[in-house]
Amino acid sequence: ATIQFARLKQHVWHYVVWYGSVTIVATMVGQHLCDIYVRKHKRYSLITLAICGVLLASLSALLFIGIGQVIEDLYMGRQMWFALERLCNKNSMGILAVDVAPADSWPSDLPRWRERR
C-alpha cells in the first residue's frame, strides 16, 4: 500500500512523519532493551520468544480477518470458487470476467427470499 500511495503521490505527510518516527523510536528502544537483557542474563531465548509472539499475533490477526472476509463474501453472494466461465471470457476482450457485487447485501426495494414465501 505504501508503494501505491507513493506512485499516486497521495501521501498524507503528517501521518508519514508520525508513524515513521514512532516506528524508528520503537525499533531503537526495543533493540536497546534486548541488548541489555542479553548482556545481563546471557540468554537469547527472550528474542526468540518475542519473534514467536509477533508471528503468532500476525497469524491470528490474518486468520480473524480472513474468516471475516469469507463470511462477508458469502453473505454478499460473491463467487468463491474457480470457474472456467470467468477465466475464458468470450463476451469481452479481457482474459478474466469481472464480477461486480452490489454495495448492499440486498436491495431495499426488493423483498427478501424468506419474506416471499
N, C-alpha and C. Protein backbone atom coordinates (compact mmCIF):
# COMPACT_ATOMS: atom_id res chain seq x y z
N ALA A 1 0.83 -1.19 0.00
CA ALA A 1 0.00 0.00 0.00
C ALA A 1 0.87 1.25 0.00
N THR A 2 1.98 1.21 0.68
CA THR A 2 2.86 2.38 0.75
C THR A 2 3.39 2.74 -0.63
N ILE A 3 3.77 1.73 -1.40
CA ILE A 3 4.29 1.99 -2.74
C ILE A 3 3.20 2.55 -3.64
N GLN A 4 1.97 2.05 -3.48
CA GLN A 4 0.86 2.56 -4.29
C GLN A 4 0.59 4.03 -3.96
N PHE A 5 0.60 4.38 -2.67
CA PHE A 5 0.41 5.79 -2.30
C PHE A 5 1.54 6.66 -2.84
N ALA A 6 2.77 6.14 -2.81
CA ALA A 6 3.91 6.92 -3.31
C ALA A 6 3.80 7.14 -4.81
N ARG A 7 3.41 6.12 -5.56
CA ARG A 7 3.30 6.27 -7.01
C ARG A 7 2.17 7.21 -7.39
N LEU A 8 1.11 7.24 -6.59
CA LEU A 8 -0.01 8.14 -6.88
C LEU A 8 0.17 9.53 -6.26
N LYS A 9 1.26 9.71 -5.52
CA LYS A 9 1.54 10.97 -4.82
C LYS A 9 0.38 11.34 -3.90
N GLN A 10 -0.08 10.37 -3.11
CA GLN A 10 -1.22 10.57 -2.23
C GLN A 10 -0.84 10.47 -0.75
N HIS A 11 0.43 10.67 -0.42
CA HIS A 11 0.84 10.58 0.98
C HIS A 11 0.22 11.71 1.81
N VAL A 12 -0.18 11.38 3.00
CA VAL A 12 -0.56 12.39 3.98
C VAL A 12 0.67 12.55 4.86
N TRP A 13 1.42 13.62 4.66
CA TRP A 13 2.77 13.71 5.19
C TRP A 13 2.84 13.75 6.70
N HIS A 14 1.86 14.32 7.37
CA HIS A 14 1.95 14.31 8.84
C HIS A 14 1.76 12.90 9.39
N TYR A 15 0.98 12.04 8.69
CA TYR A 15 0.90 10.64 9.09
C TYR A 15 2.22 9.91 8.82
N VAL A 16 2.84 10.20 7.70
CA VAL A 16 4.11 9.57 7.35
C VAL A 16 5.16 9.90 8.39
N VAL A 17 5.26 11.17 8.75
CA VAL A 17 6.26 11.59 9.74
C VAL A 17 5.95 10.98 11.10
N TRP A 18 4.69 11.01 11.51
CA TRP A 18 4.31 10.49 12.83
C TRP A 18 4.58 8.98 12.94
N TYR A 19 4.01 8.19 12.04
CA TYR A 19 4.16 6.74 12.13
C TYR A 19 5.60 6.30 11.83
N GLY A 20 6.28 7.00 10.95
CA GLY A 20 7.68 6.68 10.70
C GLY A 20 8.55 6.93 11.92
N SER A 21 8.34 8.06 12.60
CA SER A 21 9.14 8.35 13.79
C SER A 21 8.80 7.41 14.94
N VAL A 22 7.53 7.06 15.10
CA VAL A 22 7.16 6.10 16.15
C VAL A 22 7.80 4.74 15.87
N THR A 23 7.81 4.32 14.63
CA THR A 23 8.41 3.04 14.27
C THR A 23 9.92 3.04 14.52
N ILE A 24 10.60 4.10 14.13
CA ILE A 24 12.05 4.17 14.32
C ILE A 24 12.41 4.20 15.80
N VAL A 25 11.69 5.00 16.59
CA VAL A 25 11.97 5.07 18.03
C VAL A 25 11.67 3.74 18.71
N ALA A 26 10.56 3.11 18.37
CA ALA A 26 10.21 1.82 18.98
C ALA A 26 11.24 0.75 18.63
N THR A 27 11.73 0.76 17.39
CA THR A 27 12.76 -0.20 16.99
C THR A 27 14.05 0.02 17.76
N MET A 28 14.47 1.26 17.90
CA MET A 28 15.70 1.55 18.63
C MET A 28 15.58 1.20 20.11
N VAL A 29 14.46 1.52 20.72
CA VAL A 29 14.26 1.18 22.13
C VAL A 29 14.20 -0.33 22.32
N GLY A 30 13.51 -1.03 21.44
CA GLY A 30 13.42 -2.48 21.54
C GLY A 30 14.77 -3.15 21.38
N GLN A 31 15.57 -2.69 20.43
CA GLN A 31 16.90 -3.26 20.25
C GLN A 31 17.79 -2.99 21.46
N HIS A 32 17.69 -1.80 22.02
CA HIS A 32 18.49 -1.46 23.19
C HIS A 32 18.09 -2.32 24.39
N LEU A 33 16.79 -2.49 24.62
CA LEU A 33 16.33 -3.30 25.74
C LEU A 33 16.71 -4.77 25.57
N CYS A 34 16.62 -5.28 24.35
CA CYS A 34 17.04 -6.66 24.11
C CYS A 34 18.55 -6.82 24.32
N ASP A 35 19.33 -5.83 23.92
CA ASP A 35 20.77 -5.88 24.12
C ASP A 35 21.11 -5.87 25.61
N ILE A 36 20.44 -5.04 26.38
CA ILE A 36 20.65 -5.02 27.83
C ILE A 36 20.28 -6.36 28.45
N TYR A 37 19.16 -6.93 28.05
CA TYR A 37 18.72 -8.22 28.61
C TYR A 37 19.72 -9.33 28.29
N VAL A 38 20.18 -9.37 27.05
CA VAL A 38 21.11 -10.44 26.64
C VAL A 38 22.45 -10.29 27.37
N ARG A 39 22.96 -9.08 27.53
CA ARG A 39 24.22 -8.88 28.25
C ARG A 39 24.10 -9.24 29.72
N LYS A 40 22.94 -8.95 30.30
CA LYS A 40 22.77 -9.21 31.73
C LYS A 40 22.54 -10.70 32.01
N HIS A 41 21.69 -11.36 31.22
CA HIS A 41 21.30 -12.75 31.51
C HIS A 41 21.99 -13.78 30.63
N LYS A 42 22.68 -13.34 29.57
CA LYS A 42 23.38 -14.25 28.64
C LYS A 42 22.43 -15.29 28.02
N ARG A 43 21.22 -14.88 27.75
CA ARG A 43 20.21 -15.77 27.16
C ARG A 43 19.56 -15.07 25.98
N TYR A 44 19.43 -15.80 24.88
CA TYR A 44 18.80 -15.27 23.68
C TYR A 44 17.34 -15.76 23.54
N SER A 45 16.88 -16.46 24.54
CA SER A 45 15.54 -17.04 24.44
C SER A 45 14.45 -15.98 24.42
N LEU A 46 14.67 -14.84 25.05
CA LEU A 46 13.65 -13.77 25.02
C LEU A 46 13.46 -13.26 23.60
N ILE A 47 14.54 -13.14 22.85
CA ILE A 47 14.43 -12.67 21.47
C ILE A 47 13.64 -13.68 20.62
N THR A 48 13.97 -14.95 20.81
CA THR A 48 13.24 -15.99 20.08
C THR A 48 11.77 -16.00 20.47
N LEU A 49 11.50 -15.85 21.74
CA LEU A 49 10.11 -15.82 22.22
C LEU A 49 9.37 -14.60 21.67
N ALA A 50 10.06 -13.46 21.58
CA ALA A 50 9.42 -12.25 21.04
C ALA A 50 9.09 -12.43 19.56
N ILE A 51 10.01 -13.05 18.80
CA ILE A 51 9.74 -13.31 17.39
C ILE A 51 8.57 -14.26 17.23
N CYS A 52 8.52 -15.29 18.06
CA CYS A 52 7.38 -16.23 18.02
C CYS A 52 6.07 -15.53 18.38
N GLY A 53 6.13 -14.62 19.34
CA GLY A 53 4.92 -13.88 19.72
C GLY A 53 4.41 -13.00 18.60
N VAL A 54 5.33 -12.33 17.91
CA VAL A 54 4.92 -11.47 16.78
C VAL A 54 4.33 -12.32 15.67
N LEU A 55 4.96 -13.45 15.37
CA LEU A 55 4.43 -14.33 14.32
C LEU A 55 3.07 -14.90 14.70
N LEU A 56 2.89 -15.28 15.96
CA LEU A 56 1.60 -15.80 16.41
C LEU A 56 0.51 -14.73 16.35
N ALA A 57 0.86 -13.50 16.75
CA ALA A 57 -0.12 -12.41 16.68
C ALA A 57 -0.49 -12.12 15.22
N SER A 58 0.48 -12.16 14.31
CA SER A 58 0.20 -11.93 12.90
C SER A 58 -0.68 -13.04 12.34
N LEU A 59 -0.38 -14.28 12.70
CA LEU A 59 -1.18 -15.41 12.23
C LEU A 59 -2.62 -15.30 12.71
N SER A 60 -2.80 -14.99 13.98
CA SER A 60 -4.17 -14.92 14.49
C SER A 60 -4.93 -13.73 13.89
N ALA A 61 -4.26 -12.59 13.69
CA ALA A 61 -4.93 -11.44 13.08
C ALA A 61 -5.33 -11.73 11.64
N LEU A 62 -4.43 -12.34 10.87
CA LEU A 62 -4.76 -12.67 9.48
C LEU A 62 -5.86 -13.73 9.41
N LEU A 63 -5.84 -14.68 10.32
CA LEU A 63 -6.88 -15.70 10.36
C LEU A 63 -8.24 -15.07 10.67
N PHE A 64 -8.28 -14.18 11.64
CA PHE A 64 -9.51 -13.50 12.02
C PHE A 64 -10.05 -12.65 10.87
N ILE A 65 -9.18 -11.88 10.24
CA ILE A 65 -9.61 -11.03 9.13
C ILE A 65 -10.04 -11.87 7.93
N GLY A 66 -9.31 -12.95 7.64
CA GLY A 66 -9.66 -13.81 6.52
C GLY A 66 -11.01 -14.48 6.70
N ILE A 67 -11.27 -14.99 7.90
CA ILE A 67 -12.57 -15.61 8.17
C ILE A 67 -13.69 -14.59 8.04
N GLY A 68 -13.46 -13.39 8.55
CA GLY A 68 -14.46 -12.33 8.42
C GLY A 68 -14.73 -11.97 6.97
N GLN A 69 -13.68 -11.94 6.15
CA GLN A 69 -13.85 -11.62 4.73
C GLN A 69 -14.62 -12.73 4.01
N VAL A 70 -14.34 -13.98 4.34
CA VAL A 70 -15.07 -15.09 3.71
C VAL A 70 -16.54 -15.04 4.11
N ILE A 71 -16.82 -14.77 5.37
CA ILE A 71 -18.22 -14.67 5.82
C ILE A 71 -18.93 -13.53 5.09
N GLU A 72 -18.24 -12.39 4.95
CA GLU A 72 -18.84 -11.26 4.23
C GLU A 72 -19.08 -11.61 2.77
N ASP A 73 -18.13 -12.28 2.13
CA ASP A 73 -18.30 -12.67 0.72
C ASP A 73 -19.47 -13.63 0.56
N LEU A 74 -19.61 -14.57 1.47
CA LEU A 74 -20.74 -15.49 1.40
C LEU A 74 -22.06 -14.77 1.60
N TYR A 75 -22.10 -13.84 2.54
CA TYR A 75 -23.32 -13.08 2.82
C TYR A 75 -23.71 -12.20 1.64
N MET A 76 -22.69 -11.62 0.98
CA MET A 76 -22.95 -10.72 -0.16
C MET A 76 -23.23 -11.50 -1.44
N GLY A 77 -23.02 -12.81 -1.45
CA GLY A 77 -23.28 -13.62 -2.63
C GLY A 77 -22.18 -13.56 -3.66
N ARG A 78 -20.97 -13.25 -3.25
CA ARG A 78 -19.85 -13.19 -4.19
C ARG A 78 -19.37 -14.60 -4.52
N GLN A 79 -18.88 -14.75 -5.72
CA GLN A 79 -18.41 -16.05 -6.17
C GLN A 79 -17.12 -16.40 -5.42
N MET A 80 -17.10 -17.60 -4.84
CA MET A 80 -15.98 -18.00 -4.00
C MET A 80 -15.20 -19.17 -4.59
N TRP A 81 -15.48 -19.57 -5.79
CA TRP A 81 -14.86 -20.77 -6.34
C TRP A 81 -14.28 -20.46 -7.72
N PHE A 82 -13.45 -21.39 -8.19
CA PHE A 82 -12.85 -21.26 -9.51
C PHE A 82 -13.88 -21.63 -10.57
N ALA A 83 -13.97 -20.84 -11.62
CA ALA A 83 -14.90 -21.12 -12.70
C ALA A 83 -14.23 -20.82 -14.03
N LEU A 84 -14.35 -21.75 -14.96
CA LEU A 84 -13.79 -21.54 -16.28
C LEU A 84 -14.51 -20.42 -17.02
N GLU A 85 -15.77 -20.17 -16.68
CA GLU A 85 -16.52 -19.10 -17.33
C GLU A 85 -15.87 -17.75 -17.05
N ARG A 86 -15.31 -17.58 -15.88
CA ARG A 86 -14.64 -16.32 -15.56
C ARG A 86 -13.26 -16.25 -16.19
N LEU A 87 -12.62 -17.41 -16.37
CA LEU A 87 -11.28 -17.43 -16.94
C LEU A 87 -11.32 -17.20 -18.45
N CYS A 88 -12.18 -17.88 -19.13
CA CYS A 88 -12.30 -17.75 -20.59
C CYS A 88 -13.50 -16.86 -20.89
N ASN A 89 -13.29 -15.57 -20.89
CA ASN A 89 -14.35 -14.59 -21.06
C ASN A 89 -14.57 -14.34 -22.55
N LYS A 90 -15.65 -14.89 -23.10
CA LYS A 90 -15.90 -14.72 -24.53
C LYS A 90 -16.69 -13.46 -24.84
N ASN A 91 -17.21 -12.78 -23.82
CA ASN A 91 -18.05 -11.60 -24.07
C ASN A 91 -17.27 -10.30 -24.17
N SER A 92 -16.00 -10.31 -23.83
CA SER A 92 -15.22 -9.08 -23.90
C SER A 92 -13.78 -9.40 -24.29
N MET A 93 -12.96 -8.39 -24.36
CA MET A 93 -11.59 -8.55 -24.82
C MET A 93 -10.65 -9.09 -23.74
N GLY A 94 -11.01 -8.98 -22.48
CA GLY A 94 -10.12 -9.39 -21.41
C GLY A 94 -10.08 -10.88 -21.20
N ILE A 95 -9.10 -11.32 -20.45
CA ILE A 95 -8.99 -12.74 -20.13
C ILE A 95 -9.94 -13.11 -19.00
N LEU A 96 -10.05 -12.24 -18.02
CA LEU A 96 -10.90 -12.51 -16.86
C LEU A 96 -12.18 -11.69 -16.92
N ALA A 97 -13.29 -12.32 -16.58
CA ALA A 97 -14.55 -11.61 -16.46
C ALA A 97 -14.60 -10.94 -15.10
N VAL A 98 -15.15 -9.75 -15.05
CA VAL A 98 -15.22 -9.00 -13.81
C VAL A 98 -16.61 -9.15 -13.21
N ASP A 99 -16.66 -9.65 -11.98
CA ASP A 99 -17.93 -9.72 -11.27
C ASP A 99 -18.07 -8.47 -10.43
N VAL A 100 -19.21 -7.81 -10.53
CA VAL A 100 -19.47 -6.62 -9.74
C VAL A 100 -20.53 -6.96 -8.72
N ALA A 101 -20.19 -6.85 -7.46
CA ALA A 101 -21.14 -7.12 -6.38
C ALA A 101 -21.71 -5.79 -5.89
N PRO A 102 -22.98 -5.76 -5.52
CA PRO A 102 -23.56 -4.51 -5.02
C PRO A 102 -22.97 -4.14 -3.66
N ALA A 103 -23.03 -2.87 -3.35
CA ALA A 103 -22.50 -2.40 -2.06
C ALA A 103 -23.36 -2.89 -0.90
N ASP A 104 -24.67 -2.99 -1.11
CA ASP A 104 -25.56 -3.51 -0.07
C ASP A 104 -25.77 -4.99 -0.30
N SER A 105 -26.06 -5.70 0.80
CA SER A 105 -26.23 -7.13 0.66
C SER A 105 -27.50 -7.48 -0.09
N TRP A 106 -28.54 -6.67 0.00
CA TRP A 106 -29.79 -6.91 -0.71
C TRP A 106 -30.45 -5.57 -0.97
N PRO A 107 -30.94 -5.31 -2.17
CA PRO A 107 -31.59 -4.03 -2.44
C PRO A 107 -32.80 -3.82 -1.53
N SER A 108 -32.95 -2.60 -1.04
CA SER A 108 -34.01 -2.32 -0.07
C SER A 108 -35.39 -2.37 -0.70
N ASP A 109 -35.53 -2.18 -2.02
CA ASP A 109 -36.85 -2.18 -2.64
C ASP A 109 -37.33 -3.58 -3.03
N LEU A 110 -36.50 -4.60 -2.89
CA LEU A 110 -36.89 -5.97 -3.21
C LEU A 110 -37.13 -6.77 -1.93
N PRO A 111 -38.19 -7.59 -1.93
CA PRO A 111 -38.40 -8.41 -0.73
C PRO A 111 -37.33 -9.50 -0.63
N ARG A 112 -37.05 -9.88 0.58
CA ARG A 112 -36.06 -10.93 0.80
C ARG A 112 -36.66 -12.28 0.44
N TRP A 113 -35.78 -13.27 0.23
CA TRP A 113 -36.22 -14.59 -0.20
C TRP A 113 -37.17 -15.22 0.83
N ARG A 114 -36.86 -15.09 2.09
CA ARG A 114 -37.70 -15.69 3.13
C ARG A 114 -39.05 -15.00 3.24
N GLU A 115 -39.08 -13.68 2.91
CA GLU A 115 -40.33 -12.93 3.00
C GLU A 115 -41.26 -13.24 1.85
N ARG A 116 -40.74 -13.76 0.73
CA ARG A 116 -41.58 -14.05 -0.44
C ARG A 116 -42.38 -15.32 -0.27
N ARG A 117 -42.00 -16.19 0.60
CA ARG A 117 -42.69 -17.46 0.76
C ARG A 117 -44.07 -17.32 1.27
